[in-house]
């Protein structure tokens, strides 16, 4: 069956045009072609329709290949461009290639035509696919794919810029953070699909209610942020808060079910409450938490409400005791190779077994540990315990590597590589058996220092993995320069990839991008066989998740069979 080929031929000879078309047809193509011989005609045709390939004579009375290449570049198109000429010499052929031509064919020797066409069409397709993958990743870096609003990373960067501009111009900048009360009830009662629709509708209402220069972002989960860079006075923030609350008063209709949304809204003002985006977000979170705790819809930040005082400090004091009294545990989640089903590594996950309140998840104490300096002894404990407990499996090869999550604060400490080296030496484990997982947020705070520390760790032989990849990597342009061995696709994209075309496309793009950069790709959150099979078909290297195994205490992990049985 002939392959149709939209062909633009830049040629002043009908006979040479027919010769070219005949050669293409004999090679199995059916060229749908147009011939042009002037610059004006070529520019018009480039605008009128899409083309698969361009052939151009080198010299014509009114036009030449160099001018044709210029017209193509001016149109912003990336198309295979092959010079077909009877007069071109070696020197001029080289000049044409340097100007952007992909190949040249002599009219008296057309044997190279079809191989050149096949090659350049394939290369053009590869370039398009790479470009699409890069565009998808860049979109993911700055926007939330569910609501199409800016994500936390983009919001943080814009906040920092707005605050700096506000300081220079002597005007206040406000930031509001809100979440939806009892949003979990919507997910539990109506399902996650309805929950997603509610988030989309909330985001759309918020965006419609704000001025053009205001930024509305989805910060994660059911949290939204609003940046007000152009406030005339601090008192305006309460007016905007009330406007937001009014905007969300009317019920949202999700699959014919009316849902009334109640919100907790916290606000901060720069420079009064801080000049750093991270501090402002933290203080807005404090204000939002206070609104939720008191039942108010809106709360302006007040330092006396900051949970970094008695309650938070008490928890941190207990965490210090937990480290000293061995109340912490490491659970291990196997990571398997999709090609073989065999275990190639495991991720160490921290758990705190509190003697009074029971198991406390890491998200309730890690951030406070970072803010109070407890992250260092906590990291010491995790590194020491993980390497000690898994030393036998790592030494024997039963476990190829152990992955340990490292906070941004640790990576900003230039002494951290020496600390890791001491733990490796004490355990007798080779550096290449340890993988450090770094979240994307580490690159957002102090990129230069993070890169310097990672370079030292990589030079030591330690493996580096970027965790939660795709949730907001603000320094995507730097990824090619980073000493990274692996990227982990965030589970938010993996969990619904078999039923959501968007998520499937994102997962495919990340796998292609990772492989193009020479990196291994891991999928997190694999919870069923369909997802496992789909990832294998896409060429993903490794995966982990509940379908493979839940995180296991060390004693149970030692006996784990090490294959993707789907049993825990």
Protein backbone atom coordinates (compact mmCIF):
# COMPACT_ATOMS: atom_id res chain seq x y z
CA UNK A 1 0.00 0.00 0.00
CA UNK A 2 1.55 3.36 -1.03
CA UNK A 3 2.59 5.76 1.67
CA UNK A 4 1.20 9.24 1.05
CA UNK A 5 3.82 11.97 1.24
CA UNK A 6 2.95 15.68 1.27
CA UNK A 7 5.84 16.94 -0.82
CA UNK A 8 6.91 20.50 -1.59
CA UNK A 9 9.26 20.65 -4.58
CA UNK A 10 11.32 23.79 -5.15
CA UNK A 11 12.20 23.37 -8.83
CA UNK A 12 11.96 25.31 -12.11
CA UNK A 13 11.90 22.20 -14.34
CA UNK A 14 8.75 20.11 -14.90
CA UNK A 15 10.87 17.24 -16.28
CA UNK A 16 13.10 17.12 -13.19
CA UNK A 17 10.01 17.31 -10.99
CA UNK A 18 8.45 14.32 -12.74
CA UNK A 19 11.74 12.40 -12.45
CA UNK A 20 11.76 12.97 -8.71
CA UNK A 21 8.08 12.00 -8.33
CA UNK A 22 8.65 8.82 -10.38
CA UNK A 23 11.56 7.79 -8.17
CA UNK A 24 9.44 8.28 -5.06
CA UNK A 25 6.57 6.24 -6.50
CA UNK A 26 8.89 3.40 -7.44
CA UNK A 27 10.07 3.44 -3.83
CA UNK A 28 6.52 2.88 -2.51
CA UNK A 29 5.50 6.48 -1.88
CA UNK A 30 2.55 8.37 -3.30
CA UNK A 31 3.71 12.00 -3.33
CA UNK A 32 0.98 14.60 -3.07
CA UNK A 33 3.18 17.37 -4.43
CA UNK A 34 3.27 21.03 -5.29
CA UNK A 35 6.04 22.69 -7.28
CA UNK A 36 7.21 26.24 -6.58
CA UNK A 37 10.08 28.22 -8.06
CA UNK A 38 10.00 31.57 -6.25
CA UNK A 39 10.41 32.67 -2.66
CA UNK A 40 6.94 34.21 -2.53
CA UNK A 41 5.31 31.02 -3.78
CA UNK A 42 7.20 28.87 -1.28
CA UNK A 43 6.31 31.11 1.67
CA UNK A 44 2.66 31.03 0.65
CA UNK A 45 2.61 27.22 0.39
CA UNK A 46 4.33 26.82 3.78
CA UNK A 47 1.48 28.78 5.34
CA UNK A 48 -1.31 27.04 3.45
CA UNK A 49 -0.76 23.41 4.48
CA UNK A 50 1.42 20.92 6.32
CA UNK A 51 4.30 19.22 4.53
CA UNK A 52 6.22 16.01 5.18
CA UNK A 53 9.36 16.82 3.18
CA UNK A 54 10.94 19.45 0.92
CA UNK A 55 13.12 18.88 -2.13
CA UNK A 56 14.96 21.83 -3.63
CA UNK A 57 17.11 22.43 -6.70
CA UNK A 58 20.33 24.17 -5.77
CA UNK A 59 20.18 26.98 -8.33
CA UNK A 60 17.24 28.42 -10.29
CA UNK A 61 16.81 31.66 -12.23
CA UNK A 62 14.74 33.35 -9.51
CA UNK A 63 15.51 31.29 -6.42
CA UNK A 64 18.08 29.00 -4.81
CA UNK A 65 18.40 26.43 -2.04
CA UNK A 66 19.87 28.91 0.46
CA UNK A 67 16.89 31.24 0.06
CA UNK A 68 14.53 28.27 0.34
CA UNK A 69 16.20 27.24 3.62
CA UNK A 70 15.85 30.80 4.90
CA UNK A 71 12.13 30.78 4.05
CA UNK A 72 11.74 27.46 5.89
CA UNK A 73 13.52 28.80 9.00
CA UNK A 74 11.45 32.00 8.94
CA UNK A 75 8.31 29.85 8.98
CA UNK A 76 9.59 28.15 12.15
CA UNK A 77 9.22 24.66 10.66
CA UNK A 78 11.42 21.61 11.17
CA UNK A 79 11.04 19.58 7.97
CA UNK A 80 13.40 17.27 6.09
CA UNK A 81 15.10 19.40 3.43
CA UNK A 82 16.97 17.57 0.67
CA UNK A 83 18.83 19.33 -2.12
CA UNK A 84 18.36 17.56 -5.49
CA UNK A 85 20.56 19.16 -8.12
CA UNK A 86 22.65 18.42 -11.17
CA UNK A 87 25.07 21.31 -10.67
CA UNK A 88 26.03 21.18 -7.01
CA UNK A 89 29.68 20.67 -6.19
CA UNK A 90 31.22 19.27 -3.02
CA UNK A 91 32.04 22.70 -1.56
CA UNK A 92 28.58 24.08 -2.19
CA UNK A 93 26.99 20.89 -0.86
CA UNK A 94 28.87 21.38 2.40
CA UNK A 95 27.69 24.99 2.56
CA UNK A 96 24.10 23.85 2.02
CA UNK A 97 24.39 21.30 4.83
CA UNK A 98 25.80 23.94 7.15
CA UNK A 99 22.86 26.21 6.26
CA UNK A 100 20.41 23.52 7.39
CA UNK A 101 19.93 21.09 4.51
CA UNK A 102 19.72 17.48 5.65
CA UNK A 103 21.19 15.83 2.56
CA UNK A 104 21.94 16.40 -1.13
CA UNK A 105 21.30 14.14 -4.12
CA UNK A 106 22.72 14.46 -7.65
CA UNK A 107 20.06 14.28 -10.37
CA UNK A 108 22.29 12.01 -12.39
CA UNK A 109 22.55 9.49 -9.54
CA UNK A 110 19.24 8.98 -7.73
CA UNK A 111 20.21 5.72 -5.98
CA UNK A 112 20.66 7.59 -2.69
CA UNK A 113 17.26 9.28 -2.87
CA UNK A 114 15.04 6.67 -1.21
CA UNK A 115 17.46 5.79 1.64
CA UNK A 116 17.89 9.51 2.32
CA UNK A 117 14.12 10.06 2.36
CA UNK A 118 13.55 7.12 4.71
CA UNK A 119 16.29 8.32 7.05
CA UNK A 120 15.23 11.96 7.15
CA UNK A 121 11.54 11.16 7.63
CA UNK A 122 12.49 8.90 10.53
CA UNK A 123 14.80 11.53 12.04
CA UNK A 124 12.12 14.22 11.67
CA UNK A 125 9.63 11.95 13.44
CA UNK A 126 12.13 11.36 16.25
CA UNK A 127 12.73 15.11 16.57
CA UNK A 128 8.99 15.74 16.81
CA UNK A 129 8.56 13.06 19.46
CA UNK A 130 11.46 14.42 21.51
CA UNK A 131 10.09 17.94 21.21
CA UNK A 132 6.62 16.79 22.29
CA UNK A 133 8.10 14.92 25.25
CA UNK A 134 10.12 17.97 26.28
CA UNK A 135 7.09 20.24 25.92
CA UNK A 136 5.05 17.86 28.06
CA UNK A 137 7.72 17.77 30.74
CA UNK A 138 8.11 21.55 30.69
CA UNK A 139 4.34 21.90 31.02
CA UNK A 140 4.45 19.52 33.96
CA UNK A 141 7.22 21.59 35.51
CA UNK A 142 5.02 24.64 35.86
CA UNK A 143 1.37 23.58 35.67
CA UNK A 144 -0.97 21.24 37.50
CA UNK A 145 -2.32 18.87 34.87
CA UNK A 146 -5.66 18.29 36.58
CA UNK A 147 -6.76 21.93 36.89
CA UNK A 148 -4.41 23.51 34.31
CA UNK A 149 -3.45 26.05 36.97
CA UNK A 150 0.13 26.94 37.89
CA UNK A 151 1.62 24.40 40.31
CA UNK A 152 3.38 24.99 43.60
CA UNK A 153 6.80 25.37 42.01
CA UNK A 154 5.63 28.02 39.54
CA UNK A 155 3.61 29.77 42.24
CA UNK A 156 6.61 29.89 44.55
CA UNK A 157 8.87 31.35 41.85
CA UNK A 158 6.30 33.99 40.86
CA UNK A 159 5.77 34.88 44.52
CA UNK A 160 9.49 35.48 44.99
CA UNK A 161 9.62 37.71 41.92
CA UNK A 162 6.52 39.65 42.96
CA UNK A 163 7.85 40.22 46.48
CA UNK A 164 11.17 41.53 45.18
CA UNK A 165 9.39 43.87 42.77
CA UNK A 166 7.06 45.02 45.55
CA UNK A 167 9.99 45.86 47.82
CA UNK A 168 11.65 47.89 45.08
CA UNK A 169 8.41 49.76 44.30
CA UNK A 170 7.36 50.20 47.92
CA UNK A 171 4.03 48.36 47.70
CA UNK A 172 2.66 45.32 49.57
CA UNK A 173 2.19 41.90 48.03
CA UNK A 174 -0.32 39.42 49.43
CA UNK A 175 -0.50 35.66 49.33
CA UNK A 176 -3.55 33.59 50.25
CA UNK A 177 -3.72 29.85 50.82
CA UNK A 178 -6.92 27.86 51.09
CA UNK A 179 -8.04 24.28 51.36
CA UNK A 180 -11.41 22.55 51.17
CA UNK A 181 -12.86 21.27 54.41
CA UNK A 182 -13.92 17.64 54.41
CA UNK A 183 -12.67 17.15 50.86
CA UNK A 184 -11.73 13.60 51.85
CA UNK A 185 -15.45 12.92 52.42
CA UNK A 186 -16.13 13.78 48.77
CA UNK A 187 -13.48 11.31 47.59
CA UNK A 188 -14.65 8.61 49.98
CA UNK A 189 -18.35 9.06 49.20
CA UNK A 190 -18.43 9.90 45.49
CA UNK A 191 -15.05 8.61 44.35
CA UNK A 192 -11.82 10.23 43.22
CA UNK A 193 -13.21 11.10 39.79
CA UNK A 194 -15.83 13.34 41.39
CA UNK A 195 -13.18 14.75 43.71
CA UNK A 196 -11.06 15.64 40.70
CA UNK A 197 -14.03 17.33 39.01
CA UNK A 198 -14.66 19.36 42.14
CA UNK A 199 -11.03 20.55 42.21
CA UNK A 200 -11.30 21.53 38.55
CA UNK A 201 -14.47 23.54 39.13
CA UNK A 202 -13.05 25.24 42.23
CA UNK A 203 -9.95 26.22 40.28
CA UNK A 204 -12.03 27.60 37.40
CA UNK A 205 -14.19 29.70 39.74
CA UNK A 206 -11.19 31.11 41.54
CA UNK A 207 -9.46 32.01 38.27
CA UNK A 208 -12.61 33.74 36.96
CA UNK A 209 -12.97 35.78 40.16
CA UNK A 210 -9.45 37.22 40.14
CA UNK A 211 -7.95 40.04 38.11
CA UNK A 212 -5.69 39.20 35.15
CA UNK A 213 -2.47 40.00 37.04
CA UNK A 214 -3.43 37.84 40.02
CA UNK A 215 -2.21 34.25 40.03
CA UNK A 216 -4.33 31.29 41.11
CA UNK A 217 -2.46 28.02 41.62
CA UNK A 218 -3.12 24.51 42.83
CA UNK A 219 -0.49 23.84 45.48
CA UNK A 220 -1.29 20.15 45.91
CA UNK A 221 -4.17 17.98 47.11
CA UNK A 222 -7.09 20.27 47.91
CA UNK A 223 -4.88 23.33 48.54
CA UNK A 224 -5.00 26.42 46.33
CA UNK A 225 -2.93 29.59 46.42
CA UNK A 226 -3.71 33.12 45.26
CA UNK A 227 -0.97 35.69 44.64
CA UNK A 228 -1.96 39.38 44.67
CA UNK A 229 1.03 41.29 43.28
CA UNK A 230 -0.75 44.61 42.71
CA UNK A 231 -2.45 45.51 46.00
CA UNK A 232 -2.90 49.21 46.70
CA UNK A 233 -3.12 48.72 50.48
CA UNK A 234 -2.87 45.92 53.04
CA UNK A 235 -6.54 46.38 53.90
CA UNK A 236 -7.44 45.13 50.40
CA UNK A 237 -6.50 41.59 51.35
CA UNK A 238 -9.63 41.13 53.45
CA UNK A 239 -11.78 42.37 50.56
CA UNK A 240 -10.22 39.76 48.27
CA UNK A 241 -10.65 37.04 50.90
CA UNK A 242 -14.34 37.79 51.20
CA UNK A 243 -14.65 37.84 47.42
CA UNK A 244 -13.13 34.37 47.26
CA UNK A 245 -15.45 33.05 49.95
CA UNK A 246 -18.43 34.58 48.15
CA UNK A 247 -17.32 33.06 44.84
CA UNK A 248 -17.32 29.58 46.35
CA UNK A 249 -20.66 29.88 48.18
CA UNK A 250 -22.90 28.54 45.42
CA UNK A 251 -23.04 24.70 45.36
CA UNK A 252 -20.90 22.84 42.85
CA UNK A 253 -22.82 20.26 40.80
CA UNK A 254 -20.82 17.07 40.25
CA UNK A 255 -22.65 14.36 38.28
CA UNK A 256 -26.00 15.88 39.29
CA UNK A 257 -25.01 15.97 42.97
CA UNK A 258 -24.87 19.48 44.52
CA UNK A 259 -21.84 19.89 46.77
CA UNK A 260 -21.39 22.80 49.16
CA UNK A 261 -17.76 23.73 49.66
CA UNK A 262 -16.45 25.16 52.90
CA UNK A 263 -12.95 26.55 52.98
CA UNK A 264 -10.21 27.56 55.37
CA UNK A 265 -8.30 30.56 54.09
CA UNK A 266 -5.02 31.94 55.44
CA UNK A 267 -3.32 35.13 54.29
CA UNK A 268 0.07 36.80 54.60
CA UNK A 269 1.44 40.13 53.44
CA UNK A 270 4.98 40.86 52.27
CA UNK A 271 7.20 42.33 53.49
CA UNK A 272 5.39 42.45 56.87
CA UNK A 273 5.22 38.66 57.25
CA UNK A 274 8.40 37.81 55.34
CA UNK A 275 10.29 38.45 52.13
CA UNK A 276 11.11 34.85 51.19
CA UNK A 277 8.56 32.81 49.22
CA UNK A 278 9.08 29.67 51.32
CA UNK A 279 8.60 31.60 54.57
CA UNK A 280 5.48 33.28 53.22
CA UNK A 281 4.01 29.94 52.14
CA UNK A 282 4.80 28.50 55.56
CA UNK A 283 3.17 31.44 57.32
CA UNK A 284 0.13 31.28 55.03
CA UNK A 285 -0.16 27.60 55.95
CA UNK A 286 -0.05 28.56 59.63
CA UNK A 287 -2.81 31.13 59.10
CA UNK A 288 -4.91 28.61 57.15
CA UNK A 289 -4.43 26.03 59.90
CA UNK A 290 -5.56 28.57 62.48
CA UNK A 291 -8.70 29.33 60.45
CA UNK A 292 -9.46 25.62 60.27
CA UNK A 293 -8.87 25.05 63.99
CA UNK A 294 -11.03 28.02 65.07
CA UNK A 295 -13.79 27.40 62.54
CA UNK A 296 -13.21 30.77 60.87
CA UNK A 297 -13.29 31.09 57.11
CA UNK A 298 -10.39 33.53 57.00
CA UNK A 299 -7.34 34.30 59.13
CA UNK A 300 -4.45 36.73 58.68
CA UNK A 301 -1.09 35.42 59.87
CA UNK A 302 -0.32 36.09 63.52
CA UNK A 303 3.02 34.87 64.95
CA UNK A 304 1.29 33.87 68.19
CA UNK A 305 -0.72 31.27 66.26
CA UNK A 306 2.38 29.67 64.76
CA UNK A 307 2.48 25.98 65.66
CA UNK A 308 6.25 26.20 65.71
CA UNK A 309 5.80 27.20 69.32
CA UNK A 310 4.59 24.95 72.20
CA UNK A 311 2.81 22.13 70.36
CA UNK A 312 5.35 21.77 67.57
CA UNK A 313 8.29 22.17 69.93
CA UNK A 314 6.86 19.48 72.21
CA UNK A 315 6.60 17.09 69.26
CA UNK A 316 10.19 17.85 68.28
CA UNK A 317 11.35 17.22 71.84
CA UNK A 318 9.61 13.84 71.68
CA UNK A 319 11.21 13.15 68.30
CA UNK A 320 14.66 13.77 69.78
CA UNK A 321 13.81 11.24 72.50
CA UNK A 322 12.50 8.83 69.88
CA UNK A 323 15.83 8.94 68.06
CA UNK A 324 17.73 8.34 71.27
CA UNK A 325 15.33 5.67 72.62
CA UNK A 326 14.98 3.69 69.38
CA UNK A 327 11.27 4.38 68.81
CA UNK A 328 11.87 4.82 65.08
CA UNK A 329 11.58 2.06 62.51
CA UNK A 330 12.58 1.54 58.91
CA UNK A 331 10.25 -0.30 56.58
CA UNK A 332 11.52 -1.48 53.20
CA UNK A 333 9.59 -1.49 49.93
CA UNK A 334 11.02 -3.76 47.19
CA UNK A 335 11.78 -2.34 43.75
CA UNK A 336 11.70 -4.83 40.87
CA UNK A 337 13.02 -4.94 37.31
CA UNK A 338 10.09 -5.09 34.91
CA UNK A 339 12.06 -7.15 32.40
CA UNK A 340 12.74 -10.00 34.83
CA UNK A 341 10.40 -9.52 37.80
CA UNK A 342 13.38 -9.85 40.13
CA UNK A 343 14.14 -7.49 43.01
CA UNK A 344 16.93 -5.06 42.22
CA UNK A 345 16.64 -2.71 45.19
CA UNK A 346 14.53 -1.42 48.03
CA UNK A 347 13.51 1.95 49.40
CA UNK A 348 13.89 2.59 53.13
CA UNK A 349 10.85 4.39 54.57
CA UNK A 350 10.84 5.98 58.01
CA UNK A 351 8.17 5.25 60.63
CA UNK A 352 7.77 6.68 64.15
CA UNK A 353 6.10 4.39 66.66
CA UNK A 354 5.05 6.91 69.32
CA UNK A 355 4.44 5.28 72.73
CA UNK A 356 1.23 7.27 73.31
CA UNK A 357 -0.25 8.26 69.96
CA UNK A 358 0.87 5.25 67.93
CA UNK A 359 2.33 5.35 64.43
CA UNK A 360 3.10 8.89 63.22
CA UNK A 361 3.65 9.26 59.45
CA UNK A 362 6.74 11.16 58.25
CA UNK A 363 4.76 14.04 56.73
CA UNK A 364 3.78 15.09 60.25
CA UNK A 365 7.31 15.57 61.54
CA UNK A 366 9.86 15.75 58.71
CA UNK A 367 9.24 19.40 57.83
CA UNK A 368 9.46 20.43 61.49
CA UNK A 369 12.63 18.39 61.84
CA UNK A 370 14.12 20.35 58.94
CA UNK A 371 13.13 23.67 60.50
CA UNK A 372 14.49 22.82 63.97
CA UNK A 373 17.76 21.18 62.93
CA UNK A 374 16.65 17.70 64.04
CA UNK A 375 16.91 16.53 60.45
CA UNK A 376 20.65 15.89 60.92
CA UNK A 377 20.41 13.32 63.76
CA UNK A 378 17.33 11.89 62.03
CA UNK A 379 19.26 11.44 58.78
CA UNK A 380 22.17 9.94 60.72
CA UNK A 381 19.82 7.38 62.27
CA UNK A 382 18.25 6.44 58.92
CA UNK A 383 21.59 6.06 57.13
CA UNK A 384 23.18 4.09 59.96
CA UNK A 385 20.18 1.82 60.55
CA UNK A 386 19.45 1.19 56.88
CA UNK A 387 23.01 0.28 55.95
CA UNK A 388 23.41 -1.87 59.05
CA UNK A 389 20.15 -3.78 58.59
CA UNK A 390 20.68 -4.38 54.88
CA UNK A 391 24.46 -4.90 54.94
CA UNK A 392 24.25 -8.66 54.48
CA UNK A 393 21.81 -8.46 51.55
CA UNK A 394 23.82 -5.69 49.91
CA UNK A 395 27.13 -7.48 50.36
CA UNK A 396 25.79 -10.78 48.98
CA UNK A 397 24.16 -9.15 45.97
CA UNK A 398 20.65 -10.22 46.99
CA UNK A 399 19.94 -6.49 47.07
CA UNK A 400 21.60 -4.45 44.33
CA UNK A 401 21.10 -1.15 46.11
CA UNK A 402 19.34 0.50 49.04
CA UNK A 403 17.52 3.79 48.38
CA UNK A 404 17.28 6.36 51.18
CA UNK A 405 15.40 9.66 50.97
CA UNK A 406 17.52 12.73 51.70
CA UNK A 407 16.13 16.15 52.63
CA UNK A 408 17.07 19.40 50.92
CA UNK A 409 18.64 20.60 54.17
CA UNK A 410 21.13 17.72 54.12
CA UNK A 411 22.12 18.46 50.52
CA UNK A 412 22.81 22.08 51.40
CA UNK A 413 25.35 20.93 53.99
CA UNK A 414 28.74 20.62 52.25
CA UNK A 415 29.85 18.24 55.04
CA UNK A 416 27.12 15.75 54.17
CA UNK A 417 29.19 13.66 51.71
CA UNK A 418 31.81 13.04 54.42
CA UNK A 419 29.07 11.88 56.77
CA UNK A 420 27.74 9.43 54.17
CA UNK A 421 31.27 8.19 53.57
CA UNK A 422 31.72 7.43 57.27
CA UNK A 423 28.51 5.38 57.40
CA UNK A 424 29.52 3.45 54.28
CA UNK A 425 32.93 2.70 55.75
CA UNK A 426 31.43 1.62 59.08
CA UNK A 427 29.01 -0.76 57.37
CA UNK A 428 31.55 -2.06 54.85
CA UNK A 429 29.15 -1.33 51.99
CA UNK A 430 30.45 -0.20 48.60
CA UNK A 431 29.25 3.32 47.58
CA UNK A 432 27.49 2.04 44.45
CA UNK A 433 25.19 -0.01 46.70
CA UNK A 434 23.67 3.18 48.15
CA UNK A 435 21.16 5.30 46.25
CA UNK A 436 20.10 8.68 47.62
CA UNK A 437 16.65 9.87 46.57
CA UNK A 438 16.31 13.63 46.23
CA UNK A 439 12.98 15.42 45.87
CA UNK A 440 12.69 18.18 43.28
CA UNK A 441 12.25 20.81 45.99
CA UNK A 442 15.95 20.49 46.83
CA UNK A 443 16.81 22.11 43.51
CA UNK A 444 14.41 25.00 44.05
CA UNK A 445 15.98 26.34 47.24
CA UNK A 446 19.71 26.44 46.49
CA UNK A 447 20.47 24.92 43.10
CA UNK A 448 24.19 25.61 43.04
CA UNK A 449 24.95 24.09 46.45
CA UNK A 450 22.69 21.11 45.74
CA UNK A 451 24.46 20.42 42.45
CA UNK A 452 27.88 20.74 44.14
CA UNK A 453 26.93 18.25 46.86
CA UNK A 454 25.43 15.80 44.36
CA UNK A 455 28.58 16.03 42.24
CA UNK A 456 30.72 15.05 45.24
CA UNK A 457 28.40 12.17 46.15
CA UNK A 458 28.34 10.94 42.56
CA UNK A 459 32.14 11.12 42.35
CA UNK A 460 32.23 8.89 45.45
CA UNK A 461 30.25 6.30 43.44
CA UNK A 462 26.91 6.84 45.17
CA UNK A 463 23.80 6.59 42.97
CA UNK A 464 21.42 9.55 42.71
CA UNK A 465 17.66 9.36 42.05
CA UNK A 466 15.19 12.22 41.52
CA UNK A 467 12.05 11.33 43.46
CA UNK A 468 8.47 12.39 42.59
CA UNK A 469 9.59 13.37 39.11
CA UNK A 470 7.01 15.39 37.18
CA UNK A 471 5.45 17.26 40.11
CA UNK A 472 7.26 20.56 39.55
CA UNK A 473 10.90 20.47 38.57
CA UNK A 474 11.65 24.17 38.24
CA UNK A 475 15.23 23.57 37.07
CA UNK A 476 14.46 21.14 34.25
CA UNK A 477 17.08 22.78 32.05
CA UNK A 478 19.74 21.62 34.50
CA UNK A 479 18.79 17.96 34.53
CA UNK A 480 21.21 17.12 31.71
CA UNK A 481 24.05 18.52 33.84
CA UNK A 482 23.11 16.72 37.03
CA UNK A 483 24.89 13.50 38.07
CA UNK A 484 21.62 11.58 38.17
CA UNK A 485 21.24 7.83 37.57
CA UNK A 486 17.50 7.46 37.89
CA UNK A 487 14.18 9.31 37.86
CA UNK A 488 11.06 8.11 39.67
CA UNK A 489 7.68 8.87 38.12
CA UNK A 490 5.37 10.22 40.80
CA UNK A 491 2.57 7.82 41.76
CA UNK A 492 -0.07 10.48 41.04
CA UNK A 493 0.56 9.83 37.33
CA UNK A 494 1.00 6.06 37.61
CA UNK A 495 -2.09 5.18 39.64
CA UNK A 496 -4.64 6.09 36.92
CA UNK A 497 -2.54 5.61 33.79
CA UNK A 498 -4.58 2.62 32.57
CA UNK A 499 -7.81 4.64 32.62
CA UNK A 500 -6.59 8.19 32.04
CA UNK A 501 -5.09 9.06 28.64
CA UNK A 502 -3.48 12.22 30.05
CA UNK A 503 -1.62 10.28 32.74
CA UNK A 504 -0.64 7.59 30.24
CA UNK A 505 0.79 10.23 27.92
CA UNK A 506 2.75 11.81 30.78
CA UNK A 507 4.19 8.47 31.90
CA UNK A 508 5.18 7.63 28.32
CA UNK A 509 6.84 11.05 27.91
CA UNK A 510 8.81 10.73 31.15
CA UNK A 511 10.04 7.25 30.19
CA UNK A 512 11.13 8.50 26.76
CA UNK A 513 12.80 11.58 28.25
CA UNK A 514 14.62 9.52 30.87
CA UNK A 515 15.90 7.03 28.32
CA UNK A 516 16.96 9.82 25.94
CA UNK A 517 19.06 11.19 28.80
CA UNK A 518 20.54 7.76 29.52
CA UNK A 519 18.70 7.38 32.86
CA UNK A 520 16.84 4.47 34.40
CA UNK A 521 13.14 5.12 35.02
CA UNK A 522 11.16 3.87 38.03
CA UNK A 523 7.38 3.98 38.40
CA UNK A 524 5.98 4.41 41.91
CA UNK A 525 2.49 3.47 43.08
CA UNK A 526 1.93 0.30 41.03
CA UNK A 527 -1.21 -1.18 42.54
CA UNK A 528 -2.48 -3.70 39.96
CA UNK A 529 -1.34 -6.04 37.20
CA UNK A 530 -2.79 -3.89 34.41
CA UNK A 531 -0.55 -0.99 35.44
CA UNK A 532 2.45 -3.33 35.72
CA UNK A 533 1.84 -4.71 32.21
CA UNK A 534 1.32 -1.25 30.75
CA UNK A 535 4.59 0.01 32.23
CA UNK A 536 6.41 -3.01 30.86
CA UNK A 537 4.99 -2.33 27.39
CA UNK A 538 6.19 1.27 27.60
CA UNK A 539 9.72 0.12 28.39
CA UNK A 540 9.85 1.34 32.00
CA UNK A 541 12.87 -0.12 33.76
CA UNK A 542 11.78 -0.61 37.37
CA UNK A 543 8.69 -0.27 39.52
CA UNK A 544 7.46 -0.44 43.10
CA UNK A 545 4.07 -0.28 44.77
CA UNK A 546 1.47 -2.21 46.75
CA UNK A 547 0.95 -4.73 43.93
CA UNK A 548 4.58 -5.72 44.31
CA UNK A 549 4.72 -5.35 48.08
CA UNK A 550 3.77 -2.94 50.82
CA UNK A 551 6.66 -1.48 52.84
CA UNK A 552 7.77 -4.25 55.21
CA UNK A 553 9.53 -4.20 58.60
CA UNK A 554 13.07 -5.47 58.31
CA UNK A 555 12.34 -8.93 59.70
CA UNK A 556 9.59 -9.52 57.13
CA UNK A 557 11.54 -7.86 54.32
CA UNK A 558 14.42 -10.33 54.78
CA UNK A 559 12.06 -13.16 53.82
CA UNK A 560 10.39 -11.39 50.91
CA UNK A 561 10.50 -13.65 47.83
CA UNK A 562 11.92 -10.94 45.57
CA UNK A 563 9.57 -11.40 42.61
CA UNK A 564 6.42 -9.62 41.38
CA UNK A 565 3.90 -12.09 42.76
CA UNK A 566 1.35 -9.49 43.69
CA UNK A 567 1.32 -10.83 47.22
CA UNK A 568 2.50 -9.15 50.37
